[in-house]
N, C-alpha and C. Protein backbone atom coordinates (compact mmCIF):
# COMPACT_ATOMS: atom_id res chain seq x y z
N MET A 1 -3.46 10.18 19.24
CA MET A 1 -3.24 8.76 19.03
C MET A 1 -2.88 8.53 17.56
N PRO A 2 -1.83 7.75 17.29
CA PRO A 2 -1.42 7.51 15.90
C PRO A 2 -2.47 6.71 15.13
N ASP A 3 -2.54 6.98 13.84
CA ASP A 3 -3.48 6.28 12.96
C ASP A 3 -2.90 4.89 12.65
N PRO A 4 -3.55 3.80 13.10
CA PRO A 4 -3.00 2.46 12.86
C PRO A 4 -2.93 2.10 11.38
N GLU A 5 -3.86 2.62 10.57
CA GLU A 5 -3.82 2.33 9.13
C GLU A 5 -2.62 3.00 8.48
N ALA A 6 -2.25 4.18 8.95
CA ALA A 6 -1.08 4.88 8.41
C ALA A 6 0.18 4.05 8.63
N LYS A 7 0.27 3.37 9.77
CA LYS A 7 1.42 2.51 10.06
C LYS A 7 1.48 1.35 9.06
N LEU A 8 0.33 0.76 8.75
CA LEU A 8 0.28 -0.35 7.79
C LEU A 8 0.69 0.12 6.40
N ILE A 9 0.21 1.28 6.00
CA ILE A 9 0.56 1.84 4.68
C ILE A 9 2.05 2.10 4.60
N SER A 10 2.60 2.68 5.65
CA SER A 10 4.03 2.96 5.70
C SER A 10 4.84 1.67 5.58
N GLU A 11 4.41 0.63 6.27
CA GLU A 11 5.09 -0.66 6.20
C GLU A 11 4.99 -1.25 4.80
N ALA A 12 3.83 -1.12 4.16
CA ALA A 12 3.65 -1.63 2.80
C ALA A 12 4.57 -0.90 1.81
N LYS A 13 4.68 0.41 1.95
CA LYS A 13 5.57 1.19 1.07
C LYS A 13 7.02 0.78 1.27
N ARG A 14 7.44 0.58 2.52
CA ARG A 14 8.81 0.14 2.80
C ARG A 14 9.06 -1.24 2.20
N TYR A 15 8.08 -2.13 2.32
CA TYR A 15 8.20 -3.49 1.78
C TYR A 15 8.40 -3.44 0.27
N LEU A 16 7.61 -2.63 -0.43
CA LEU A 16 7.74 -2.52 -1.88
C LEU A 16 9.11 -1.99 -2.28
N LYS A 17 9.61 -1.01 -1.56
CA LYS A 17 10.92 -0.43 -1.87
C LYS A 17 12.03 -1.44 -1.60
N ARG A 18 11.98 -2.06 -0.42
CA ARG A 18 13.03 -2.99 0.00
C ARG A 18 13.04 -4.26 -0.86
N THR A 19 11.86 -4.79 -1.16
CA THR A 19 11.77 -6.09 -1.83
C THR A 19 11.84 -5.98 -3.35
N TYR A 20 11.23 -4.94 -3.92
CA TYR A 20 11.12 -4.84 -5.37
C TYR A 20 11.75 -3.59 -5.96
N GLY A 21 12.26 -2.69 -5.12
CA GLY A 21 12.84 -1.45 -5.61
C GLY A 21 11.80 -0.49 -6.16
N GLU A 22 10.54 -0.67 -5.74
CA GLU A 22 9.45 0.17 -6.25
C GLU A 22 9.28 1.42 -5.39
N ASP A 23 9.15 2.56 -6.05
CA ASP A 23 8.78 3.80 -5.38
C ASP A 23 7.27 3.94 -5.48
N THR A 24 6.60 4.17 -4.37
CA THR A 24 5.15 4.30 -4.36
C THR A 24 4.76 5.72 -4.76
N VAL A 25 4.02 5.84 -5.86
CA VAL A 25 3.54 7.13 -6.34
C VAL A 25 2.21 7.46 -5.67
N ALA A 26 1.33 6.46 -5.57
CA ALA A 26 0.02 6.63 -4.93
C ALA A 26 -0.41 5.29 -4.36
N MET A 27 -1.14 5.34 -3.23
CA MET A 27 -1.65 4.11 -2.62
C MET A 27 -2.98 4.42 -1.94
N THR A 28 -4.00 3.64 -2.29
CA THR A 28 -5.33 3.78 -1.70
C THR A 28 -5.74 2.45 -1.09
N VAL A 29 -6.11 2.46 0.17
CA VAL A 29 -6.56 1.25 0.84
C VAL A 29 -7.97 0.92 0.36
N THR A 30 -8.16 -0.32 -0.09
CA THR A 30 -9.48 -0.78 -0.53
C THR A 30 -10.14 -1.69 0.50
N ARG A 31 -9.31 -2.32 1.35
CA ARG A 31 -9.85 -3.15 2.44
C ARG A 31 -8.77 -3.34 3.50
N ASN A 32 -9.14 -3.08 4.73
CA ASN A 32 -8.22 -3.27 5.84
C ASN A 32 -8.80 -4.33 6.77
N ALA A 33 -8.22 -5.52 6.74
CA ALA A 33 -8.67 -6.61 7.60
C ALA A 33 -7.56 -7.01 8.58
N VAL A 34 -6.71 -6.06 8.92
CA VAL A 34 -5.64 -6.31 9.89
C VAL A 34 -6.16 -5.97 11.28
N GLN A 35 -6.06 -6.94 12.17
CA GLN A 35 -6.46 -6.73 13.56
C GLN A 35 -5.36 -7.27 14.46
N GLU A 36 -4.92 -6.43 15.39
CA GLU A 36 -3.87 -6.81 16.33
C GLU A 36 -2.63 -7.33 15.61
N GLY A 37 -2.30 -6.71 14.47
CA GLY A 37 -1.08 -7.04 13.74
C GLY A 37 -1.17 -8.21 12.80
N ASN A 38 -2.36 -8.82 12.67
CA ASN A 38 -2.53 -9.99 11.81
C ASN A 38 -3.69 -9.78 10.85
N GLY A 39 -3.51 -10.25 9.60
CA GLY A 39 -4.58 -10.13 8.61
C GLY A 39 -4.06 -9.58 7.30
N THR A 40 -4.97 -9.02 6.50
CA THR A 40 -4.60 -8.54 5.17
C THR A 40 -4.97 -7.07 4.98
N LEU A 41 -4.15 -6.41 4.19
CA LEU A 41 -4.39 -5.03 3.78
C LEU A 41 -4.40 -5.01 2.26
N ALA A 42 -5.55 -4.67 1.66
CA ALA A 42 -5.67 -4.60 0.21
C ALA A 42 -5.57 -3.15 -0.23
N VAL A 43 -4.80 -2.92 -1.30
CA VAL A 43 -4.60 -1.56 -1.81
C VAL A 43 -4.64 -1.55 -3.33
N ASP A 44 -4.97 -0.39 -3.89
CA ASP A 44 -4.71 -0.08 -5.29
C ASP A 44 -3.57 0.91 -5.26
N CYS A 45 -2.56 0.68 -6.08
CA CYS A 45 -1.41 1.58 -6.03
C CYS A 45 -0.79 1.78 -7.41
N THR A 46 -0.06 2.89 -7.49
CA THR A 46 0.77 3.19 -8.65
C THR A 46 2.19 3.21 -8.14
N VAL A 47 3.06 2.45 -8.81
CA VAL A 47 4.47 2.40 -8.41
C VAL A 47 5.34 2.78 -9.61
N ALA A 48 6.57 3.17 -9.30
CA ALA A 48 7.53 3.53 -10.34
C ALA A 48 8.83 2.76 -10.10
N VAL A 49 9.36 2.24 -11.20
CA VAL A 49 10.67 1.58 -11.18
C VAL A 49 11.41 2.05 -12.42
N GLY A 50 12.57 2.64 -12.23
CA GLY A 50 13.36 3.10 -13.37
C GLY A 50 12.63 4.10 -14.24
N GLY A 51 11.78 4.92 -13.64
CA GLY A 51 11.06 5.94 -14.39
C GLY A 51 9.77 5.45 -15.03
N GLU A 52 9.53 4.15 -15.01
CA GLU A 52 8.30 3.59 -15.58
C GLU A 52 7.26 3.41 -14.48
N ARG A 53 6.05 3.88 -14.73
CA ARG A 53 4.95 3.74 -13.77
C ARG A 53 4.01 2.62 -14.18
N SER A 54 3.43 1.96 -13.17
CA SER A 54 2.44 0.92 -13.44
C SER A 54 1.43 0.89 -12.30
N ASP A 55 0.22 0.42 -12.62
CA ASP A 55 -0.89 0.38 -11.66
C ASP A 55 -1.16 -1.06 -11.24
N TRP A 56 -1.33 -1.26 -9.93
CA TRP A 56 -1.49 -2.60 -9.37
C TRP A 56 -2.56 -2.63 -8.30
N SER A 57 -3.14 -3.81 -8.11
CA SER A 57 -3.92 -4.13 -6.92
C SER A 57 -3.06 -5.12 -6.14
N LYS A 58 -2.81 -4.83 -4.87
CA LYS A 58 -1.93 -5.68 -4.06
C LYS A 58 -2.60 -5.97 -2.73
N VAL A 59 -2.32 -7.17 -2.22
CA VAL A 59 -2.81 -7.57 -0.90
C VAL A 59 -1.60 -7.97 -0.08
N PHE A 60 -1.38 -7.25 1.02
CA PHE A 60 -0.27 -7.53 1.92
C PHE A 60 -0.78 -8.39 3.07
N HIS A 61 -0.05 -9.45 3.37
CA HIS A 61 -0.41 -10.37 4.44
C HIS A 61 0.48 -10.07 5.65
N PHE A 62 -0.16 -9.69 6.76
CA PHE A 62 0.56 -9.34 7.98
C PHE A 62 0.48 -10.47 9.00
N ASP A 63 1.60 -10.71 9.66
CA ASP A 63 1.67 -11.64 10.78
C ASP A 63 2.50 -10.97 11.87
N ARG A 64 1.90 -10.69 12.99
CA ARG A 64 2.58 -10.01 14.11
C ARG A 64 3.24 -8.71 13.65
N ASP A 65 2.49 -7.89 12.95
CA ASP A 65 2.90 -6.55 12.49
C ASP A 65 3.93 -6.55 11.36
N ALA A 66 4.27 -7.71 10.82
CA ALA A 66 5.24 -7.78 9.73
C ALA A 66 4.57 -8.35 8.49
N ILE A 67 4.98 -7.85 7.32
CA ILE A 67 4.47 -8.40 6.06
C ILE A 67 5.21 -9.69 5.77
N VAL A 68 4.45 -10.76 5.59
CA VAL A 68 5.04 -12.07 5.34
C VAL A 68 4.79 -12.57 3.92
N ALA A 69 3.87 -11.92 3.20
CA ALA A 69 3.57 -12.31 1.81
C ALA A 69 2.80 -11.18 1.15
N MET A 70 2.75 -11.23 -0.19
CA MET A 70 1.99 -10.25 -0.94
C MET A 70 1.44 -10.90 -2.20
N ASP A 71 0.16 -10.66 -2.47
CA ASP A 71 -0.47 -11.06 -3.72
C ASP A 71 -0.63 -9.80 -4.56
N TYR A 72 -0.61 -9.95 -5.88
CA TYR A 72 -0.72 -8.75 -6.73
C TYR A 72 -1.27 -9.11 -8.10
N ARG A 73 -1.88 -8.10 -8.71
CA ARG A 73 -2.30 -8.22 -10.12
C ARG A 73 -2.27 -6.82 -10.72
N ARG A 74 -1.90 -6.78 -11.97
CA ARG A 74 -1.82 -5.50 -12.68
C ARG A 74 -3.22 -4.99 -12.99
N ARG A 75 -3.40 -3.67 -12.88
CA ARG A 75 -4.69 -3.06 -13.22
C ARG A 75 -4.60 -2.41 -14.58
C-alpha cells in the first residue's frame, strides 16, 4: 500500500518547483493534518534557487488533494 504522506510530500515539492522555481534539498514533516485530501501539512525544509539555499517552515493547505495555499516563514 502506498504511503499517503509520501504523496503529500511529493505534491508539496512539485508545488514549490512549479510556483516558485525552488528545488527541495530537504523536507521534514512536522505536522500532518490532512485527512481524505483536505487539511494542512506543515514542514521544515531547505530549498535552493539559483544556487542559494535557505531554510523555511511552510504549511501547505490541501483541498481535495490539491494545494490551494501556502504559509511560510524563514528559519
